[in-house]
Amino acid sequence: MNEVKIKKINQVLADFFEKNKDVMRIPALDMMDCFVDAGIFKMDYDRRGLPIRNGKKSH
């Protein structure tokens, strides 16, 4: 995974936790829609968060 993508992921996570201060942990699966909306991944076709766990774009 490249540095630009990592920075984008970190920003999405920072924004999420800023808005959801009561949440301490969240599975990657639950963040996939946010990552897709931010343009980090194209789509989570298998709906299990595989692109983030693999560090690859889904096609």
C-alpha atoms as a PDB file:
ATOM      1  CA  MET A   1       0.000   0.000   0.000  1.00  0.00           C
ATOM      2  CA  ASN A   2       1.468   3.371  -0.945  1.00  0.00           C
ATOM      3  CA  GLU A   3       2.059   6.287   1.390  1.00  0.00           C
ATOM      4  CA  VAL A   4      -0.654   8.473  -0.168  1.00  0.00           C
ATOM      5  CA  LYS A   5      -3.287   5.791   0.368  1.00  0.00           C
ATOM      6  CA  ILE A   6      -2.135   5.289   3.967  1.00  0.00           C
ATOM      7  CA  LYS A   7      -2.449   9.031   4.635  1.00  0.00           C
ATOM      8  CA  LYS A   8      -5.974   9.035   3.198  1.00  0.00           C
ATOM      9  CA  ILE A   9      -6.948   6.059   5.352  1.00  0.00           C
ATOM     10  CA  ASN A  10      -5.520   7.771   8.433  1.00  0.00           C
ATOM     11  CA  GLN A  11      -7.505  10.934   7.634  1.00  0.00           C
ATOM     12  CA  VAL A  12     -10.759   9.006   7.189  1.00  0.00           C
ATOM     13  CA  LEU A  13     -10.142   7.276  10.515  1.00  0.00           C
ATOM     14  CA  ALA A  14      -9.256  10.544  12.265  1.00  0.00           C
ATOM     15  CA  ASP A  15     -12.441  12.160  10.931  1.00  0.00           C
ATOM     16  CA  PHE A  16     -14.524   9.166  11.994  1.00  0.00           C
ATOM     17  CA  PHE A  17     -13.162   9.114  15.541  1.00  0.00           C
ATOM     18  CA  GLU A  18     -13.502  12.899  15.843  1.00  0.00           C
ATOM     19  CA  LYS A  19     -17.202  12.592  15.013  1.00  0.00           C
ATOM     20  CA  ASN A  20     -17.707   9.415  17.109  1.00  0.00           C
ATOM     21  CA  LYS A  21     -15.841  10.134  20.337  1.00  0.00           C
ATOM     22  CA  ASP A  22     -17.607   7.321  22.173  1.00  0.00           C
ATOM     23  CA  VAL A  23     -16.168   4.678  19.791  1.00  0.00           C
ATOM     24  CA  MET A  24     -12.780   3.264  20.811  1.00  0.00           C
ATOM     25  CA  ARG A  25     -12.399   0.487  18.203  1.00  0.00           C
ATOM     26  CA  ILE A  26     -14.041  -0.355  14.919  1.00  0.00           C
ATOM     27  CA  PRO A  27     -13.445  -3.308  12.593  1.00  0.00           C
ATOM     28  CA  ALA A  28     -12.091  -2.573   9.112  1.00  0.00           C
ATOM     29  CA  LEU A  29     -15.279  -4.084   7.697  1.00  0.00           C
ATOM     30  CA  ASP A  30     -17.327  -1.336   9.318  1.00  0.00           C
ATOM     31  CA  MET A  31     -15.099   1.366   7.778  1.00  0.00           C
ATOM     32  CA  MET A  32     -15.121   0.063   4.200  1.00  0.00           C
ATOM     33  CA  ASP A  33     -18.013   2.258   3.048  1.00  0.00           C
ATOM     34  CA  CYS A  34     -16.131   5.311   4.348  1.00  0.00           C
ATOM     35  CA  PHE A  35     -12.962   4.251   2.525  1.00  0.00           C
ATOM     36  CA  VAL A  36     -14.910   3.654  -0.701  1.00  0.00           C
ATOM     37  CA  ASP A  37     -16.678   7.029  -0.342  1.00  0.00           C
ATOM     38  CA  ALA A  38     -13.272   8.709   0.117  1.00  0.00           C
ATOM     39  CA  GLY A  39     -12.023   7.100  -3.110  1.00  0.00           C
ATOM     40  CA  ILE A  40      -9.375   4.992  -1.386  1.00  0.00           C
ATOM     41  CA  PHE A  41     -10.847   1.715  -2.631  1.00  0.00           C
ATOM     42  CA  LYS A  42     -13.132   1.248  -5.616  1.00  0.00           C
ATOM     43  CA  MET A  43     -15.625  -1.103  -3.983  1.00  0.00           C
ATOM     44  CA  ASP A  44     -15.859  -3.825  -1.383  1.00  0.00           C
ATOM     45  CA  TYR A  45     -17.467  -6.480  -3.587  1.00  0.00           C
ATOM     46  CA  ASP A  46     -17.270  -9.271  -1.059  1.00  0.00           C
ATOM     47  CA  ARG A  47     -18.612  -6.978   1.708  1.00  0.00           C
ATOM     48  CA  ARG A  48     -16.127  -8.330   4.253  1.00  0.00           C
ATOM     49  CA  GLY A  49     -13.481  -5.592   4.224  1.00  0.00           C
ATOM     50  CA  LEU A  50     -11.039  -7.660   2.198  1.00  0.00           C
ATOM     51  CA  PRO A  51      -9.471  -4.724   0.298  1.00  0.00           C
ATOM     52  CA  ILE A  52      -8.354  -3.024   3.509  1.00  0.00           C
ATOM     53  CA  ARG A  53      -7.155  -6.260   5.044  1.00  0.00           C
ATOM     54  CA  ASN A  54      -5.164  -7.103   1.908  1.00  0.00           C
ATOM     55  CA  GLY A  55      -4.012  -3.545   1.290  1.00  0.00           C
ATOM     56  CA  LYS A  56      -5.127  -3.775  -2.339  1.00  0.00           C
ATOM     57  CA  LYS A  57      -7.728  -2.106  -4.515  1.00  0.00           C
ATOM     58  CA  SER A  58     -10.682  -4.270  -5.407  1.00  0.00           C
ATOM     59  CA  HIS A  59     -11.625  -4.279  -9.094  1.00  0.00           C
END
